[in-house]
Protein backbone atom coordinates (compact mmCIF):
# COMPACT_ATOMS: atom_id res chain seq x y z
CA MET A 1 -4.66 -0.52 -29.40
CA ALA A 2 -1.42 -0.22 -30.86
CA VAL A 3 1.76 -2.09 -31.18
CA ILE A 4 4.92 0.00 -31.05
CA ASN A 5 8.63 -0.67 -31.76
CA PHE A 6 9.74 -1.00 -28.14
CA ARG A 7 11.22 -3.92 -26.57
CA THR A 8 9.91 -7.19 -27.88
CA ASP A 9 6.43 -5.84 -28.56
CA ILE A 10 6.17 -6.03 -32.57
CA LYS A 11 8.20 -9.54 -32.27
CA ASP A 12 5.37 -10.86 -29.52
CA GLY A 13 2.42 -8.75 -30.69
CA ILE A 14 2.05 -6.66 -27.72
CA GLU A 15 -0.49 -4.31 -28.09
CA ARG A 16 -0.82 -1.09 -25.74
CA GLN A 17 -3.63 1.19 -24.85
CA ILE A 18 -4.13 4.24 -27.06
CA TRP A 19 -4.75 7.28 -24.69
CA ARG A 20 -6.59 10.80 -25.21
CA VAL A 21 -4.28 13.09 -23.32
CA PRO A 22 -4.77 17.12 -22.83
CA ILE A 23 -2.10 18.43 -24.89
CA GLU A 24 -0.82 21.14 -22.27
CA ILE A 25 0.48 18.43 -20.05
CA LEU A 26 2.49 16.62 -22.78
CA ARG A 27 6.24 17.90 -22.70
CA TYR A 28 9.20 17.80 -24.85
CA ARG A 29 12.42 16.13 -24.63
CA LYS A 30 15.27 18.26 -25.39
CA GLU A 31 17.36 15.36 -26.12
CA ASN A 32 15.45 15.38 -29.44
CA GLY A 33 17.74 14.61 -32.37
CA ARG A 34 16.14 16.77 -34.55
CA ILE A 35 16.94 19.97 -32.60
CA ALA A 36 20.75 18.56 -31.73
CA SER A 37 22.47 21.33 -32.82
CA ASP A 38 20.45 23.87 -31.15
CA VAL A 39 20.29 22.46 -27.76
CA ALA A 40 24.32 21.88 -27.76
CA ASP A 41 24.96 25.44 -28.82
CA HIS A 42 22.29 27.09 -26.12
CA GLU A 43 23.86 25.17 -23.31
CA ARG A 44 26.92 26.01 -24.46
CA LYS A 45 26.47 29.68 -24.49
CA VAL A 46 23.85 30.06 -21.47
CA GLY A 47 23.59 27.14 -19.85
CA SER A 48 21.86 23.63 -19.12
CA ILE A 49 18.10 23.58 -20.32
CA ASP A 50 15.54 22.49 -17.63
CA GLU A 51 13.30 20.51 -19.49
CA ARG A 52 10.53 20.58 -16.72
CA SER A 53 10.31 24.06 -16.64
CA VAL A 54 7.83 26.71 -18.61
CA GLU A 55 10.96 28.59 -20.13
CA GLY A 56 12.83 25.30 -21.00
CA GLN A 57 9.83 23.85 -22.64
CA ALA A 58 9.19 27.29 -24.50
CA LEU A 59 12.87 27.21 -25.88
CA ILE A 60 12.62 23.57 -27.08
CA ALA A 61 9.20 24.61 -29.17
CA GLY A 62 11.21 27.57 -30.54
CA PHE A 63 13.99 25.24 -31.89
CA LEU A 64 11.57 22.52 -33.24
CA GLU A 65 9.59 25.71 -35.09
CA GLN A 66 12.53 27.24 -36.84
CA LYS A 67 13.72 23.72 -37.95
CA ASP A 68 12.23 22.89 -41.68
CA PRO A 69 9.55 25.32 -41.70
CA GLU A 70 8.41 23.77 -45.26
CA LYS A 71 7.62 20.25 -43.27
CA THR A 72 6.24 22.21 -40.55
CA ARG A 73 3.79 23.40 -42.86
CA ASP A 74 3.15 20.28 -44.65
CA LEU A 75 2.45 18.57 -41.09
CA ARG A 76 0.23 21.42 -40.15
CA ALA A 77 -1.94 21.04 -43.41
CA SER A 78 -2.37 17.24 -42.52
CA VAL A 79 -3.12 17.63 -39.05
CA LEU A 80 -6.02 20.23 -39.74
CA HIS A 81 -7.58 18.33 -42.50
CA ALA A 82 -7.33 14.66 -41.27
CA GLY A 83 -6.56 14.97 -37.61
CA GLN A 84 -3.40 13.07 -35.64
CA ALA A 85 -3.07 9.83 -37.73
CA GLU A 86 -0.93 7.88 -35.43
CA PRO A 87 -0.43 7.88 -31.77
CA ALA A 88 2.54 9.70 -29.93
CA ILE A 89 5.00 7.68 -27.67
CA ILE A 90 5.53 9.14 -24.01
CA THR A 91 7.15 8.37 -20.78
CA CYS A 92 5.02 7.84 -17.82
CA ASP A 93 5.76 11.41 -16.90
CA GLY A 94 4.49 12.97 -19.88
CA PHE A 95 7.80 13.78 -21.92
CA LEU A 96 7.72 12.74 -25.52
CA ILE A 97 9.44 10.42 -27.43
CA ASN A 98 8.04 10.20 -30.67
CA GLY A 99 5.40 13.02 -31.76
CA ASN A 100 7.45 16.10 -30.48
CA ARG A 101 6.56 18.17 -33.99
CA ARG A 102 3.01 16.93 -34.16
CA LYS A 103 2.65 18.52 -30.32
CA MET A 104 3.94 21.89 -31.61
CA VAL A 105 1.57 21.96 -34.90
CA MET A 106 -1.44 20.71 -32.39
CA ASP A 107 -0.61 23.61 -29.86
CA LYS A 108 -0.79 26.37 -32.59
CA LEU A 109 -3.64 24.87 -34.07
CA HIS A 110 -5.33 24.47 -30.49
CA LYS A 111 -4.74 28.27 -30.00
CA GLU A 112 -5.96 29.24 -33.52
CA PHE A 113 -9.07 26.67 -32.91
CA PRO A 114 -9.78 26.83 -29.40
CA GLU A 115 -13.73 25.42 -29.88
CA GLU A 116 -11.83 22.37 -31.58
CA ASP A 117 -11.70 19.30 -29.34
CA SER A 118 -9.74 17.30 -31.70
CA PHE A 119 -6.79 19.59 -31.17
CA ALA A 120 -6.83 19.79 -27.23
CA TYR A 121 -5.78 16.14 -27.08
CA MET A 122 -3.02 13.95 -28.24
CA LYS A 123 -3.41 10.38 -28.89
CA VAL A 124 -0.54 8.72 -27.06
CA VAL A 125 0.90 5.13 -25.92
CA ILE A 126 2.26 5.75 -22.45
CA LEU A 127 5.38 3.90 -21.60
CA PRO A 128 5.54 1.66 -18.21
CA GLY A 129 6.41 3.71 -14.92
CA LYS A 130 8.34 2.44 -12.00
CA ASP A 131 5.26 0.48 -10.64
CA ASP A 132 4.87 -1.57 -13.48
CA LYS A 133 7.34 -4.21 -12.76
CA ASN A 134 5.43 -6.82 -14.64
CA GLU A 135 6.29 -4.86 -18.01
CA GLY A 136 9.62 -4.63 -17.17
CA GLY A 137 9.69 -1.09 -15.67
CA PRO A 138 10.59 1.96 -17.31
CA PRO A 139 12.56 2.68 -20.12
CA THR A 140 16.03 3.16 -19.57
CA LEU A 141 17.95 6.06 -21.31
CA LEU A 142 19.17 3.50 -23.84
CA GLU A 143 15.80 2.53 -24.80
CA ILE A 144 14.75 5.85 -25.20
CA GLU A 145 17.21 6.47 -27.65
CA ARG A 146 16.45 3.22 -29.22
CA ILE A 147 12.96 4.37 -29.81
CA GLU A 148 13.56 7.53 -31.05
CA ASN A 149 16.17 6.20 -33.74
CA ARG A 150 13.48 3.61 -34.65
CA TYR A 151 10.94 5.97 -35.11
CA GLN A 152 13.23 8.56 -36.74
CA LEU A 153 14.41 6.81 -39.45
CA GLN A 154 10.71 6.05 -40.56
CA SER A 155 9.04 8.51 -43.18
CA ASP A 156 5.62 8.92 -42.58
CA GLY A 157 4.62 12.87 -42.69
CA LYS A 158 7.07 13.69 -39.55
CA ALA A 159 9.90 15.77 -40.12
CA GLU A 160 13.29 14.05 -41.75
CA TYR A 161 16.28 15.02 -39.66
CA TYR A 162 18.56 17.58 -40.98
CA GLY A 163 21.98 16.01 -41.91
CA PHE A 164 23.81 17.91 -39.49
CA ASP A 165 21.25 17.14 -36.40
CA ARG A 166 21.62 13.21 -37.65
CA ALA A 167 25.18 13.80 -37.16
CA LEU A 168 25.04 14.88 -33.63
CA SER A 169 22.17 12.52 -33.06
CA ILE A 170 24.21 9.46 -33.85
CA LYS A 171 27.41 10.61 -31.73
CA ARG A 172 24.93 10.68 -28.89
CA LYS A 173 23.52 7.87 -29.05
CA ILE A 174 27.04 6.33 -29.53
CA GLU A 175 28.17 7.80 -26.57
CA ILE A 176 25.55 6.56 -24.37
CA GLY A 177 25.86 3.11 -25.39
CA LEU A 178 23.88 2.56 -28.69
CA SER A 179 26.46 1.51 -31.34
CA LEU A 180 26.37 2.54 -34.58
CA GLU A 181 25.60 -0.92 -36.03
CA GLU A 182 22.50 -1.04 -33.80
CA GLN A 183 21.18 2.08 -34.89
CA LEU A 184 21.57 1.17 -38.67
CA ARG A 185 19.86 -2.43 -37.86
CA ASP A 186 16.89 -0.39 -36.94
CA ASP A 187 16.67 1.29 -40.31
CA PRO A 188 14.31 -0.65 -42.92
CA ARG A 189 16.74 0.06 -45.52
CA HIS A 190 18.82 -2.18 -44.00
CA ALA A 191 16.55 -5.22 -42.76
CA GLY A 192 17.84 -8.73 -43.57
CA ALA A 193 21.34 -7.08 -44.75
CA THR A 194 24.28 -9.42 -44.85
CA PRO A 195 27.24 -8.46 -42.48
CA ALA A 196 29.22 -7.34 -45.68
CA GLU A 197 26.26 -4.94 -46.43
CA LEU A 198 26.06 -3.76 -43.06
CA GLU A 199 29.65 -3.12 -42.85
CA ARG A 200 29.45 -0.93 -46.07
CA ALA A 201 26.39 0.88 -44.57
CA ILE A 202 28.73 1.84 -41.30
CA LYS A 203 31.54 2.99 -43.38
CA ASP A 204 28.70 4.71 -45.37
CA CYS A 205 27.46 6.40 -42.43
CA GLU A 206 30.75 7.35 -40.98
CA ARG A 207 31.57 9.03 -44.14
CA GLU A 208 28.42 10.86 -44.16
CA TYR A 209 27.98 12.05 -40.82
CA LEU A 210 30.65 11.02 -38.17
CA GLU A 211 33.80 12.00 -40.19
CA PRO A 212 32.26 15.33 -41.41
CA LEU A 213 31.36 16.14 -37.86
CA LYS A 214 35.02 15.54 -36.59
CA CYS A 215 35.63 18.45 -39.05
CA VAL A 216 32.97 20.47 -37.51
CA ASP A 217 34.78 20.06 -34.28
CA ARG A 218 38.13 20.92 -35.02
CA TYR A 219 36.68 24.15 -37.31
CA LEU A 220 34.95 25.13 -34.03
CA LYS A 221 38.28 24.84 -31.81
CA GLN A 222 40.09 26.60 -34.56
CA PHE A 223 37.86 29.84 -33.91
CA LYS A 224 37.50 29.32 -30.13
CA ARG A 225 33.85 28.27 -30.57
CA ALA A 226 34.00 24.75 -29.47
CA GLY A 227 30.29 23.21 -28.71
CA LEU A 228 28.72 26.19 -30.48
CA TYR A 229 26.86 24.15 -33.29
CA ARG A 230 24.44 26.92 -34.25
CA THR A 231 27.20 28.64 -35.89
CA ILE A 232 27.61 25.83 -38.54
CA SER A 233 24.13 25.79 -39.57
CA ALA A 234 20.39 26.54 -38.52
CA GLY A 235 18.72 23.66 -40.40
CA MET A 236 17.51 22.83 -43.38
CA SER A 237 15.99 26.54 -43.86
CA ASP A 238 19.24 27.72 -43.59
CA ARG A 239 20.27 27.32 -47.40
CA GLU A 240 23.62 28.87 -46.70
CA GLY A 241 24.58 26.64 -43.99
CA ARG A 242 27.98 25.10 -43.75
CA TRP A 243 27.42 21.53 -43.37
CA GLN A 244 27.61 20.67 -47.23
CA ALA A 245 30.95 22.78 -47.29
CA PHE A 246 32.25 19.98 -44.50
CA LEU A 247 30.74 17.20 -45.92
CA ASP A 248 32.53 17.86 -49.22
CA TYR A 249 35.93 19.07 -47.17
CA SER A 250 35.71 15.70 -45.38
CA ASN A 251 35.04 13.46 -48.41
CA TYR A 252 37.02 15.04 -51.11
CA THR A 253 39.77 17.27 -49.30
CA TYR A 254 40.75 15.40 -45.94
CA SER A 255 40.09 11.68 -46.32
CA LYS A 256 40.98 11.33 -50.17
CA CYS A 257 43.99 13.87 -50.43
CA LEU A 258 45.54 15.07 -46.93
CA THR A 259 44.99 11.89 -44.88
CA ASN A 260 45.87 9.42 -48.08
CA PRO A 261 49.88 9.67 -48.01
CA ARG A 262 49.66 8.54 -51.84
CA ARG A 263 47.71 10.96 -53.10
CA ARG A 264 49.64 13.59 -50.83
CA ILE A 265 52.92 12.65 -52.19
CA GLU A 266 51.07 13.19 -55.92
CA LEU A 267 50.15 16.67 -54.48
CA GLY A 268 53.32 17.61 -53.30
CA ILE A 269 52.03 18.34 -49.87
CA GLU A 270 54.34 17.55 -47.04
CA GLU A 271 52.96 16.12 -43.37
CA ASP A 272 53.58 19.36 -41.62
CA GLU A 273 51.68 21.27 -44.19
CA ILE A 274 48.32 19.19 -43.48
CA GLY A 275 47.46 21.72 -40.76
CA ASP A 276 47.90 24.91 -42.76
CA ILE A 277 45.95 23.86 -45.60
CA GLU A 278 42.96 22.50 -43.13
CA GLU A 279 42.98 25.89 -41.53
CA ALA A 280 42.91 27.94 -45.17
CA ALA A 281 39.78 25.41 -45.59
CA PHE A 282 37.94 26.54 -42.48
CA ASP A 283 38.81 30.45 -43.28
CA ILE A 284 37.18 29.61 -46.49
CA ILE A 285 34.13 27.69 -45.05
CA ARG A 286 33.77 30.51 -42.43
CA LEU A 287 33.73 33.18 -45.22
CA ARG A 288 30.45 31.12 -46.64
CA THR A 289 30.85 32.81 -50.11
CA VAL A 290 33.52 34.06 -52.34
CA PRO A 291 32.97 36.52 -55.15
CA GLU A 292 33.39 35.16 -58.72
CA MET A 293 34.22 31.55 -57.27
CA PRO A 294 32.12 28.30 -57.00
CA LYS A 295 30.17 27.96 -53.88
CA VAL A 296 32.03 27.08 -51.06
CA HIS A 297 31.30 23.65 -51.01
CA MET A 298 32.40 23.14 -54.61
CA ILE A 299 35.64 25.10 -53.52
CA MET A 300 36.11 21.85 -51.01
CA ARG A 301 35.94 19.51 -53.64
CA ASN A 302 38.28 21.37 -56.07
CA LEU A 303 40.86 22.36 -53.08
CA PRO A 304 43.15 19.52 -53.95
CA LYS A 305 43.32 20.46 -57.46
CA TYR A 306 44.30 24.03 -56.28
CA CYS A 307 47.17 22.47 -54.37
CA GLU A 308 48.53 20.47 -57.38
CA THR A 309 50.82 23.16 -58.54
CA LYS A 310 53.35 24.74 -56.22
CA GLU A 311 51.95 28.10 -56.66
CA GLY A 312 48.64 26.98 -55.91
CA LYS A 313 49.76 25.29 -52.69
CA ARG A 314 51.44 28.33 -51.86
CA GLU A 315 48.76 30.63 -52.12
CA ILE A 316 46.40 28.34 -50.29
CA MET A 317 48.76 27.93 -47.46
CA LYS A 318 49.21 32.14 -47.25
CA ILE A 319 45.75 32.13 -46.40
CA ALA A 320 46.42 30.57 -43.08
CA GLU A 321 49.59 32.67 -42.63
CA GLU A 322 47.53 35.87 -42.99
CA VAL A 323 44.37 35.43 -41.61
CA GLU A 324 43.73 35.55 -37.75
CA PRO A 325 41.02 33.23 -36.71
CA VAL A 326 40.25 35.51 -33.53
CA LEU A 327 39.40 39.18 -33.90
CA PRO A 328 40.80 41.71 -31.30
CA SER A 329 38.45 41.89 -28.38
CA LYS A 330 36.77 45.11 -29.38
CA GLU A 331 35.63 43.63 -32.57
CA TYR A 332 33.23 41.35 -30.65
CA GLN A 333 31.50 44.41 -28.70
CA ASP A 334 28.93 46.97 -29.94
CA GLU A 335 29.65 50.67 -29.28
CA ARG A 336 27.94 50.44 -25.93
CA GLY A 337 30.19 47.66 -24.97
CA ASN A 338 27.88 44.67 -25.44
CA PRO A 339 28.82 41.49 -26.81
CA LEU A 340 27.80 40.97 -30.41
CA PRO A 341 25.77 38.09 -31.65
CA LEU A 342 27.91 35.55 -33.37
CA GLU A 343 26.54 36.03 -36.89
CA ALA A 344 27.72 39.51 -36.48
CA VAL A 345 30.99 38.52 -35.31
CA ASP A 346 31.39 36.37 -38.43
CA GLU A 347 30.25 39.63 -40.59
CA ARG A 348 32.89 41.55 -39.07
CA TRP A 349 35.70 38.67 -39.50
CA ALA A 350 34.54 38.55 -43.14
CA ALA A 351 34.94 41.86 -43.95
CA VAL A 352 38.38 41.97 -42.23
CA ASN A 353 39.62 38.97 -44.25
CA LYS A 354 37.42 38.47 -47.22
CA GLU A 355 39.64 40.34 -49.74
CA ALA A 356 43.01 38.12 -48.69
CA ILE A 357 41.20 34.98 -48.77
CA THR A 358 39.63 35.95 -52.27
CA TRP A 359 42.74 37.02 -53.97
CA HIS A 360 44.65 34.10 -52.50
CA LEU A 361 41.84 31.49 -53.90
CA ARG A 362 41.61 32.96 -57.21
CA LYS A 363 45.24 32.83 -57.56
CA ALA A 364 45.60 29.31 -56.81
CA ARG A 365 42.37 28.53 -59.25
CA THR A 366 44.44 30.53 -61.89
CA SER A 367 47.46 28.31 -61.66
CA HIS A 368 45.60 25.20 -61.94
CA GLU A 369 43.73 26.58 -64.83
CA SER A 370 46.81 27.37 -66.31
CA ARG A 371 48.34 23.99 -65.54
CA LYS A 372 44.98 22.15 -67.18
CA GLU A 373 45.86 24.09 -70.45
CA LYS A 374 49.28 23.17 -70.48
CA GLU A 375 48.36 19.33 -70.19
CA THR A 376 49.22 17.21 -73.03
CA PRO A 377 46.62 14.15 -73.99
CA LEU A 378 49.59 11.87 -72.28
CA ASP A 379 49.22 13.99 -68.94
CA ARG A 380 45.47 13.29 -68.86
CA LEU A 381 45.88 9.78 -69.55
CA GLU A 382 48.23 9.12 -66.80
CA ALA A 383 45.95 11.27 -64.48
CA ALA A 384 43.18 9.46 -65.34
CA TYR A 385 45.04 5.94 -64.84
CA GLN A 386 45.85 7.29 -61.50
CA LYS A 387 42.55 7.81 -60.22
CA MET A 388 41.84 4.67 -61.35
CA SER A 389 44.19 2.82 -59.04
CA PRO A 390 43.03 0.56 -56.02
CA GLU A 391 44.32 3.08 -53.33
CA SER A 392 41.97 5.70 -55.09
CA ILE A 393 38.53 3.71 -55.39
CA ASP A 394 37.23 1.72 -52.52
CA ILE A 395 35.04 -0.49 -53.88
CA LYS A 396 33.63 -1.64 -50.39
CA ALA A 397 32.94 2.20 -49.68
CA LEU A 398 30.27 2.34 -52.51
CA ARG A 399 26.55 2.11 -51.19
CA MET A 400 24.13 -0.74 -52.43
CA THR A 401 22.07 1.73 -54.31
CA ASP A 402 25.09 2.99 -56.06
CA LEU A 403 26.52 -0.54 -57.48
CA PRO A 404 24.22 -0.54 -60.64
CA ARG A 405 25.49 2.56 -61.78
CA ALA A 406 29.33 1.86 -60.65
CA ARG A 407 29.10 -1.37 -63.01
CA ASN A 408 27.95 0.66 -65.79
CA LEU A 409 30.16 3.43 -65.52
CA VAL A 410 32.96 0.63 -65.17
CA ALA A 411 31.80 -0.72 -68.52
CA ASP A 412 31.65 2.43 -70.07
CA ILE A 413 35.03 3.14 -69.09
CA ALA A 414 36.19 -0.05 -70.68
CA GLN A 415 34.57 0.68 -73.81
CA ARG A 416 36.06 4.02 -74.05
CA ALA A 417 39.44 2.69 -72.84
CA ALA A 418 39.11 0.10 -75.77
CA GLU A 419 38.47 2.90 -78.32
CA ILE A 420 41.31 4.88 -77.37
CA GLU A 421 43.69 2.14 -77.68
CA LYS A 422 42.32 1.55 -81.57
CA GLU A 423 42.55 5.10 -82.03
CA ILE A 424 46.25 5.31 -80.73
CA TYR A 425 47.03 1.74 -82.80
CA HIS A 426 45.89 3.41 -86.31
CA TRP A 427 47.23 6.77 -85.43
CA GLU A 428 50.67 4.83 -84.84
CA LYS A 429 50.46 2.85 -87.93
CA GLU A 430 49.75 6.39 -89.78
CA TYR A 431 52.35 8.00 -88.06
CA LYS A 432 54.82 5.13 -89.20
CA LYS A 433 53.43 5.30 -92.72
CA LEU A 434 53.96 9.03 -92.75
CA HIS A 435 57.41 9.01 -91.71
CA GLN A 436 58.18 5.92 -94.20
CA GLN A 437 56.88 8.31 -97.11
CA LYS A 438 59.10 11.42 -95.66
CA SER A 439 62.42 9.34 -95.73
């Protein structure tokens, strides 16, 4: 027997039977948060996945296998040596709500060790069906999403969600009626959180997942790829994936600068220039790597600095002017006229545009560095003061875990400010003394 996180089972201490079910009759769900980007991309390019078909199940298994191979290896070793630790959760018609990756690993072990009976079955808890009216009937779609959400937030040997897939999963759950607040209340980290703490957690989640995802959608629209999420990243194993670049663009350039009127005025960016700067940013992200420049996600952090001078801003905007988001149709075909994979299209696009993007980006950085060299101590003090303004620092946006570090930093800043004030005071006295001696 087991108590699972379904309806009021935990609150009421309801135990449910654990069954040993032949592994071949268990099926993956395509609405699995860990493969959200893969499913969305495939259905956009090819068509709907029939999760009840053999072909559909093979596709979903392939998506799961590609996600985070390192954690899959760890899970395989765990199951091989210790067996299945916890029961999976399935619907009455055999679809896994929790336990998809464990099934994938056990399927492989069953083929590798067919004589081992332990890999031929999975331990599962079966949720009520339509005939179980005394238990409230089968789970609704919303309840299924709630179960997945509750278990995805626990780290117990199952694969963690890759940030991009987590963002898509959060968005999908909101669209079917599971609010962000409800999703976060299932997170053990927020158990017993006050309304103010939960509000901060919601803002953190919006900043880390939902706002960058909006940037991704605008990026895909710019390049005529709406819904093709696999072109962003294949998952944790895709070390050159673009998700981190969108995260940093959203947090450091878009929200803090382009959509912040005060900061935009400081940078000299007109409202009608926002679109061109974002278009240039997306061109840089698509390029993935820029020769002799920091990693693209770091460029997204520094992009506002590159726009601080008129020359720098002009060079960034020239990227949008000169780069065509879509190549001529012949560039999307091989020598036989067959459509090229999108990765190959990106390579051709990069070959055409890399030189122009690199040239203008380097000139923008040079302009910024030249300005830094000319800065006086007073310039830097004024810049530091501007960064400490209430508009620049939203205290409520800090995570709970960051608050002790933030307080220490503020204390260090106050101490350093006091030291600088003393240094200025003594230098002012010394300067007056020297001036009097000369007189």
